[in-house]
Amino acid sequence: MTLDKHKTKEDNLMDLLDIIILMLMLVERLEGFQIKNHYNTTQIKYQVKKLLSIITPLAERDYSIVFSNGEEETQKIIREYEILVAQIRDLQVPQKVILNQMIEAFNSDKKTIEATIHRVLKKKQKI
C-alpha cells in the first residue's frame, strides 16, 4: 500500500467513510455469523464497535468542516451509508458478485448505466 501525498482532504474523508462502511458491514455480518462460539464474534464485534465509536465522530466532524455542512446534513450522509451497508449485507454472495459487476459497468460507462437505472426505476414505479 502506497501513500498518495497528493490526496485532498475530501479524498481522505471519502477513504475514512469507506472504512466506516466496511466496519459497519463487518459488524452486521458478524451478527448473522452461525459459528459464534468458535470464533468469539462477541469480542470481535465489541472491538470493531469500539473503533467505530472513535472513528465515526471524527468523520462526522471532518465532513462538516470539509463540506461546510451542519451536523444534520452530516447525520443524513451517515444514515445513507448505513442504509447502503444494510442493503449490501442482506445480499447473498452471487448477488454481491453481480453488484460488483454493476459497479464496474458504472465506472466504465456512467451515462449508460445511469440511464438504465432511471429506466428500471421508472418502470418499477408504474407497477
N, C-alpha and C. Protein backbone atom coordinates (compact mmCIF):
# COMPACT_ATOMS: atom_id res chain seq x y z
N MET A 1 0.84 -1.17 0.00
CA MET A 1 0.00 0.00 0.00
C MET A 1 0.89 1.23 0.00
N THR A 2 0.67 2.12 -0.96
CA THR A 2 1.46 3.34 -1.03
C THR A 2 0.61 4.52 -0.61
N LEU A 3 1.27 5.49 -0.03
CA LEU A 3 0.58 6.70 0.39
C LEU A 3 0.58 7.69 -0.75
N ASP A 4 -0.53 8.29 -1.01
CA ASP A 4 -0.65 9.30 -2.05
C ASP A 4 -0.58 10.66 -1.38
N LYS A 5 0.55 11.35 -1.58
CA LYS A 5 0.76 12.64 -0.93
C LYS A 5 -0.10 13.74 -1.55
N HIS A 6 -0.71 13.45 -2.68
CA HIS A 6 -1.50 14.45 -3.38
C HIS A 6 -2.99 14.36 -3.09
N LYS A 7 -3.36 13.52 -2.15
CA LYS A 7 -4.77 13.39 -1.81
C LYS A 7 -5.25 14.65 -1.11
N THR A 8 -6.46 15.04 -1.45
CA THR A 8 -7.06 16.20 -0.81
C THR A 8 -7.73 15.78 0.49
N LYS A 9 -8.14 16.76 1.27
CA LYS A 9 -8.88 16.46 2.50
C LYS A 9 -10.16 15.70 2.16
N GLU A 10 -10.79 16.09 1.04
CA GLU A 10 -12.02 15.42 0.63
C GLU A 10 -11.75 13.95 0.29
N ASP A 11 -10.63 13.68 -0.40
CA ASP A 11 -10.27 12.30 -0.74
C ASP A 11 -10.04 11.48 0.52
N ASN A 12 -9.31 12.06 1.47
CA ASN A 12 -9.04 11.36 2.72
C ASN A 12 -10.33 11.10 3.49
N LEU A 13 -11.23 12.05 3.46
CA LEU A 13 -12.50 11.87 4.15
C LEU A 13 -13.32 10.76 3.49
N MET A 14 -13.32 10.73 2.17
CA MET A 14 -14.05 9.66 1.48
C MET A 14 -13.45 8.30 1.83
N ASP A 15 -12.12 8.24 1.94
CA ASP A 15 -11.48 6.99 2.36
C ASP A 15 -11.93 6.60 3.77
N LEU A 16 -11.99 7.59 4.66
CA LEU A 16 -12.43 7.32 6.03
C LEU A 16 -13.88 6.83 6.05
N LEU A 17 -14.73 7.44 5.25
CA LEU A 17 -16.12 6.99 5.18
C LEU A 17 -16.21 5.57 4.64
N ASP A 18 -15.35 5.24 3.68
CA ASP A 18 -15.32 3.87 3.17
C ASP A 18 -14.93 2.88 4.26
N ILE A 19 -13.96 3.26 5.07
CA ILE A 19 -13.53 2.40 6.18
C ILE A 19 -14.69 2.19 7.15
N ILE A 20 -15.40 3.27 7.44
CA ILE A 20 -16.55 3.17 8.35
C ILE A 20 -17.60 2.23 7.77
N ILE A 21 -17.86 2.36 6.48
CA ILE A 21 -18.84 1.49 5.82
C ILE A 21 -18.42 0.03 5.95
N LEU A 22 -17.17 -0.25 5.67
CA LEU A 22 -16.68 -1.63 5.76
C LEU A 22 -16.78 -2.16 7.18
N MET A 23 -16.49 -1.32 8.16
CA MET A 23 -16.59 -1.75 9.55
C MET A 23 -18.03 -2.00 9.95
N LEU A 24 -18.94 -1.15 9.49
CA LEU A 24 -20.36 -1.37 9.76
C LEU A 24 -20.83 -2.68 9.13
N MET A 25 -20.35 -2.94 7.91
CA MET A 25 -20.71 -4.19 7.24
C MET A 25 -20.16 -5.38 8.02
N LEU A 26 -18.95 -5.25 8.57
CA LEU A 26 -18.38 -6.33 9.35
C LEU A 26 -19.21 -6.62 10.58
N VAL A 27 -19.61 -5.58 11.29
CA VAL A 27 -20.44 -5.77 12.49
C VAL A 27 -21.75 -6.45 12.11
N GLU A 28 -22.39 -5.98 11.04
CA GLU A 28 -23.65 -6.57 10.61
C GLU A 28 -23.46 -8.03 10.20
N ARG A 29 -22.38 -8.31 9.53
CA ARG A 29 -22.12 -9.69 9.09
C ARG A 29 -21.87 -10.60 10.28
N LEU A 30 -21.18 -10.09 11.27
CA LEU A 30 -20.92 -10.89 12.47
C LEU A 30 -22.20 -11.20 13.23
N GLU A 31 -23.19 -10.31 13.12
CA GLU A 31 -24.48 -10.53 13.79
C GLU A 31 -25.11 -11.84 13.32
N GLY A 32 -24.97 -12.14 12.05
CA GLY A 32 -25.60 -13.34 11.50
C GLY A 32 -24.68 -14.53 11.39
N PHE A 33 -23.48 -14.40 11.89
CA PHE A 33 -22.50 -15.48 11.78
C PHE A 33 -22.97 -16.70 12.56
N GLN A 34 -22.93 -17.86 11.95
CA GLN A 34 -23.51 -19.08 12.53
C GLN A 34 -22.65 -19.74 13.61
N ILE A 35 -21.35 -19.71 13.48
CA ILE A 35 -20.47 -20.44 14.38
C ILE A 35 -19.87 -19.46 15.39
N LYS A 36 -20.72 -18.86 16.20
CA LYS A 36 -20.31 -17.78 17.09
C LYS A 36 -19.29 -18.22 18.14
N ASN A 37 -19.48 -19.32 18.79
CA ASN A 37 -18.59 -19.72 19.88
C ASN A 37 -17.18 -20.03 19.40
N HIS A 38 -17.07 -20.61 18.23
CA HIS A 38 -15.77 -21.00 17.69
C HIS A 38 -14.88 -19.79 17.40
N TYR A 39 -15.45 -18.69 16.96
CA TYR A 39 -14.67 -17.53 16.55
C TYR A 39 -14.77 -16.35 17.52
N ASN A 40 -15.52 -16.48 18.61
CA ASN A 40 -15.68 -15.42 19.59
C ASN A 40 -16.09 -14.10 18.90
N THR A 41 -17.16 -14.16 18.15
CA THR A 41 -17.61 -12.98 17.42
C THR A 41 -18.03 -11.85 18.35
N THR A 42 -18.43 -12.17 19.56
CA THR A 42 -18.82 -11.14 20.51
C THR A 42 -17.64 -10.21 20.78
N GLN A 43 -16.47 -10.76 21.01
CA GLN A 43 -15.28 -9.94 21.27
C GLN A 43 -14.88 -9.15 20.03
N ILE A 44 -14.96 -9.78 18.86
CA ILE A 44 -14.61 -9.09 17.62
C ILE A 44 -15.57 -7.92 17.40
N LYS A 45 -16.88 -8.18 17.56
CA LYS A 45 -17.87 -7.11 17.40
C LYS A 45 -17.60 -5.98 18.37
N TYR A 46 -17.30 -6.32 19.62
CA TYR A 46 -17.03 -5.32 20.64
C TYR A 46 -15.87 -4.42 20.21
N GLN A 47 -14.80 -5.02 19.72
CA GLN A 47 -13.62 -4.25 19.32
C GLN A 47 -13.92 -3.37 18.10
N VAL A 48 -14.65 -3.90 17.12
CA VAL A 48 -14.99 -3.12 15.93
C VAL A 48 -15.90 -1.96 16.32
N LYS A 49 -16.90 -2.22 17.16
CA LYS A 49 -17.81 -1.16 17.60
C LYS A 49 -17.06 -0.10 18.39
N LYS A 50 -16.09 -0.51 19.18
CA LYS A 50 -15.27 0.44 19.95
C LYS A 50 -14.50 1.35 18.99
N LEU A 51 -13.91 0.76 17.98
CA LEU A 51 -13.19 1.54 16.98
C LEU A 51 -14.14 2.46 16.21
N LEU A 52 -15.31 1.95 15.88
CA LEU A 52 -16.31 2.79 15.19
C LEU A 52 -16.69 3.99 16.04
N SER A 53 -16.79 3.79 17.36
CA SER A 53 -17.18 4.90 18.24
C SER A 53 -16.10 5.97 18.27
N ILE A 54 -14.87 5.62 17.92
CA ILE A 54 -13.79 6.60 17.85
C ILE A 54 -13.76 7.26 16.48
N ILE A 55 -13.88 6.46 15.42
CA ILE A 55 -13.73 6.97 14.06
C ILE A 55 -14.93 7.78 13.58
N THR A 56 -16.14 7.31 13.86
CA THR A 56 -17.34 7.95 13.32
C THR A 56 -17.46 9.42 13.72
N PRO A 57 -17.25 9.79 14.97
CA PRO A 57 -17.33 11.22 15.30
C PRO A 57 -16.29 12.06 14.56
N LEU A 58 -15.12 11.48 14.31
CA LEU A 58 -14.09 12.21 13.55
C LEU A 58 -14.55 12.46 12.11
N ALA A 59 -15.13 11.42 11.51
CA ALA A 59 -15.63 11.57 10.14
C ALA A 59 -16.76 12.58 10.10
N GLU A 60 -17.66 12.53 11.07
CA GLU A 60 -18.77 13.49 11.10
C GLU A 60 -18.24 14.91 11.25
N ARG A 61 -17.26 15.10 12.14
CA ARG A 61 -16.66 16.42 12.33
C ARG A 61 -15.99 16.90 11.05
N ASP A 62 -15.15 16.04 10.48
CA ASP A 62 -14.41 16.44 9.28
C ASP A 62 -15.33 16.66 8.10
N TYR A 63 -16.38 15.86 7.99
CA TYR A 63 -17.34 16.05 6.90
C TYR A 63 -17.94 17.45 7.00
N SER A 64 -18.29 17.84 8.19
CA SER A 64 -18.88 19.17 8.40
C SER A 64 -17.89 20.26 8.04
N ILE A 65 -16.64 20.07 8.40
CA ILE A 65 -15.63 21.09 8.11
C ILE A 65 -15.34 21.16 6.61
N VAL A 66 -15.08 20.00 6.01
CA VAL A 66 -14.67 19.97 4.60
C VAL A 66 -15.78 20.47 3.68
N PHE A 67 -17.01 20.04 3.92
CA PHE A 67 -18.09 20.37 3.01
C PHE A 67 -18.97 21.51 3.52
N SER A 68 -18.57 22.15 4.60
CA SER A 68 -19.30 23.29 5.17
C SER A 68 -20.77 22.96 5.41
N ASN A 69 -21.04 21.77 5.86
CA ASN A 69 -22.40 21.36 6.19
C ASN A 69 -22.54 21.29 7.69
N GLY A 70 -23.76 21.37 8.16
CA GLY A 70 -24.01 21.27 9.57
C GLY A 70 -24.12 19.83 10.02
N GLU A 71 -24.35 19.66 11.29
CA GLU A 71 -24.43 18.33 11.87
C GLU A 71 -25.57 17.52 11.27
N GLU A 72 -26.70 18.18 11.02
CA GLU A 72 -27.86 17.47 10.47
C GLU A 72 -27.54 16.86 9.10
N GLU A 73 -26.87 17.63 8.26
CA GLU A 73 -26.51 17.13 6.93
C GLU A 73 -25.53 15.97 7.04
N THR A 74 -24.59 16.08 7.96
CA THR A 74 -23.63 15.00 8.17
C THR A 74 -24.35 13.73 8.62
N GLN A 75 -25.30 13.87 9.52
CA GLN A 75 -26.06 12.71 10.00
C GLN A 75 -26.85 12.06 8.86
N LYS A 76 -27.38 12.87 7.94
CA LYS A 76 -28.10 12.32 6.79
C LYS A 76 -27.18 11.44 5.95
N ILE A 77 -25.96 11.93 5.72
CA ILE A 77 -25.00 11.16 4.93
C ILE A 77 -24.67 9.85 5.64
N ILE A 78 -24.42 9.90 6.94
CA ILE A 78 -24.12 8.69 7.69
C ILE A 78 -25.29 7.72 7.63
N ARG A 79 -26.53 8.23 7.72
CA ARG A 79 -27.71 7.36 7.63
C ARG A 79 -27.79 6.69 6.25
N GLU A 80 -27.47 7.45 5.21
CA GLU A 80 -27.49 6.88 3.85
C GLU A 80 -26.47 5.75 3.75
N TYR A 81 -25.30 5.94 4.33
CA TYR A 81 -24.30 4.88 4.32
C TYR A 81 -24.80 3.66 5.10
N GLU A 82 -25.47 3.89 6.22
CA GLU A 82 -25.99 2.77 7.00
C GLU A 82 -27.02 1.99 6.20
N ILE A 83 -27.85 2.69 5.44
CA ILE A 83 -28.84 2.02 4.57
C ILE A 83 -28.11 1.19 3.52
N LEU A 84 -27.09 1.78 2.92
CA LEU A 84 -26.30 1.07 1.91
C LEU A 84 -25.68 -0.19 2.51
N VAL A 85 -25.10 -0.06 3.68
CA VAL A 85 -24.48 -1.19 4.36
C VAL A 85 -25.51 -2.30 4.59
N ALA A 86 -26.69 -1.92 5.06
CA ALA A 86 -27.73 -2.92 5.33
C ALA A 86 -28.16 -3.62 4.04
N GLN A 87 -28.27 -2.87 2.96
CA GLN A 87 -28.67 -3.48 1.69
C GLN A 87 -27.62 -4.46 1.19
N ILE A 88 -26.36 -4.07 1.26
CA ILE A 88 -25.29 -4.95 0.80
C ILE A 88 -25.18 -6.17 1.71
N ARG A 89 -25.31 -5.95 3.00
CA ARG A 89 -25.21 -7.04 3.97
C ARG A 89 -26.23 -8.14 3.68
N ASP A 90 -27.42 -7.76 3.27
CA ASP A 90 -28.50 -8.72 3.07
C ASP A 90 -28.41 -9.48 1.75
N LEU A 91 -27.49 -9.10 0.89
CA LEU A 91 -27.32 -9.81 -0.37
C LEU A 91 -26.56 -11.11 -0.14
N GLN A 92 -26.90 -12.12 -0.94
CA GLN A 92 -26.16 -13.38 -0.93
C GLN A 92 -24.90 -13.18 -1.78
N VAL A 93 -23.95 -14.09 -1.67
CA VAL A 93 -22.68 -13.95 -2.39
C VAL A 93 -22.88 -13.76 -3.90
N PRO A 94 -23.72 -14.57 -4.57
CA PRO A 94 -23.90 -14.34 -6.01
C PRO A 94 -24.43 -12.94 -6.33
N GLN A 95 -25.32 -12.43 -5.49
CA GLN A 95 -25.85 -11.08 -5.70
C GLN A 95 -24.76 -10.03 -5.48
N LYS A 96 -23.87 -10.27 -4.54
CA LYS A 96 -22.75 -9.34 -4.31
C LYS A 96 -21.82 -9.31 -5.51
N VAL A 97 -21.63 -10.47 -6.14
CA VAL A 97 -20.80 -10.53 -7.35
C VAL A 97 -21.45 -9.70 -8.45
N ILE A 98 -22.75 -9.85 -8.63
CA ILE A 98 -23.47 -9.08 -9.64
C ILE A 98 -23.39 -7.60 -9.33
N LEU A 99 -23.57 -7.23 -8.05
CA LEU A 99 -23.46 -5.83 -7.66
C LEU A 99 -22.09 -5.27 -8.00
N ASN A 100 -21.06 -6.07 -7.75
CA ASN A 100 -19.70 -5.64 -8.09
C ASN A 100 -19.57 -5.42 -9.60
N GLN A 101 -20.16 -6.30 -10.39
CA GLN A 101 -20.13 -6.14 -11.84
C GLN A 101 -20.88 -4.89 -12.28
N MET A 102 -21.98 -4.59 -11.59
CA MET A 102 -22.74 -3.38 -11.90
C MET A 102 -21.90 -2.15 -11.60
N ILE A 103 -21.17 -2.18 -10.50
CA ILE A 103 -20.30 -1.05 -10.15
C ILE A 103 -19.20 -0.89 -11.19
N GLU A 104 -18.62 -2.01 -11.61
CA GLU A 104 -17.59 -1.95 -12.65
C GLU A 104 -18.16 -1.36 -13.95
N ALA A 105 -19.37 -1.78 -14.31
CA ALA A 105 -20.02 -1.24 -15.51
C ALA A 105 -20.28 0.25 -15.35
N PHE A 106 -20.72 0.65 -14.17
CA PHE A 106 -20.97 2.06 -13.89
C PHE A 106 -19.68 2.87 -14.05
N ASN A 107 -18.59 2.36 -13.50
CA ASN A 107 -17.32 3.07 -13.60
C ASN A 107 -16.82 3.14 -15.04
N SER A 108 -17.20 2.16 -15.86
CA SER A 108 -16.78 2.15 -17.27
C SER A 108 -17.64 3.07 -18.14
N ASP A 109 -18.95 3.13 -17.85
CA ASP A 109 -19.87 3.89 -18.71
C ASP A 109 -21.00 4.46 -17.85
N LYS A 110 -20.70 5.50 -17.11
CA LYS A 110 -21.66 6.08 -16.15
C LYS A 110 -22.97 6.50 -16.79
N LYS A 111 -22.90 7.16 -17.94
CA LYS A 111 -24.13 7.69 -18.56
C LYS A 111 -25.09 6.57 -18.95
N THR A 112 -24.57 5.51 -19.55
CA THR A 112 -25.43 4.40 -19.96
C THR A 112 -26.05 3.72 -18.75
N ILE A 113 -25.24 3.48 -17.72
CA ILE A 113 -25.76 2.79 -16.53
C ILE A 113 -26.78 3.68 -15.82
N GLU A 114 -26.51 4.97 -15.71
CA GLU A 114 -27.48 5.88 -15.07
C GLU A 114 -28.80 5.89 -15.83
N ALA A 115 -28.73 5.90 -17.15
CA ALA A 115 -29.95 5.88 -17.96
C ALA A 115 -30.71 4.58 -17.74
N THR A 116 -29.99 3.47 -17.66
CA THR A 116 -30.62 2.17 -17.40
C THR A 116 -31.28 2.16 -16.03
N ILE A 117 -30.59 2.69 -15.04
CA ILE A 117 -31.13 2.75 -13.68
C ILE A 117 -32.43 3.55 -13.66
N HIS A 118 -32.42 4.71 -14.28
CA HIS A 118 -33.62 5.55 -14.30
C HIS A 118 -34.77 4.85 -15.01
N ARG A 119 -34.46 4.15 -16.10
CA ARG A 119 -35.49 3.43 -16.86
C ARG A 119 -36.09 2.31 -16.00
N VAL A 120 -35.25 1.55 -15.31
CA VAL A 120 -35.73 0.44 -14.48
C VAL A 120 -36.56 0.97 -13.32
N LEU A 121 -36.07 2.01 -12.65
CA LEU A 121 -36.81 2.56 -11.51
C LEU A 121 -38.14 3.19 -11.93
N LYS A 122 -38.14 3.82 -13.10
CA LYS A 122 -39.38 4.41 -13.61
C LYS A 122 -40.39 3.31 -13.91
N LYS A 123 -39.91 2.22 -14.50
CA LYS A 123 -40.76 1.07 -14.82
C LYS A 123 -41.31 0.46 -13.52
N LYS A 124 -40.47 0.37 -12.49
CA LYS A 124 -40.87 -0.18 -11.20
C LYS A 124 -41.98 0.67 -10.57
N GLN A 125 -41.89 1.98 -10.70
CA GLN A 125 -42.88 2.88 -10.11
C GLN A 125 -44.24 2.72 -10.76
N LYS A 126 -44.27 2.36 -12.03
CA LYS A 126 -45.53 2.19 -12.75
C LYS A 126 -46.28 0.94 -12.32
N ILE A 127 -45.53 -0.03 -11.81
CA ILE A 127 -46.15 -1.31 -11.43
C ILE A 127 -46.96 -1.18 -10.17
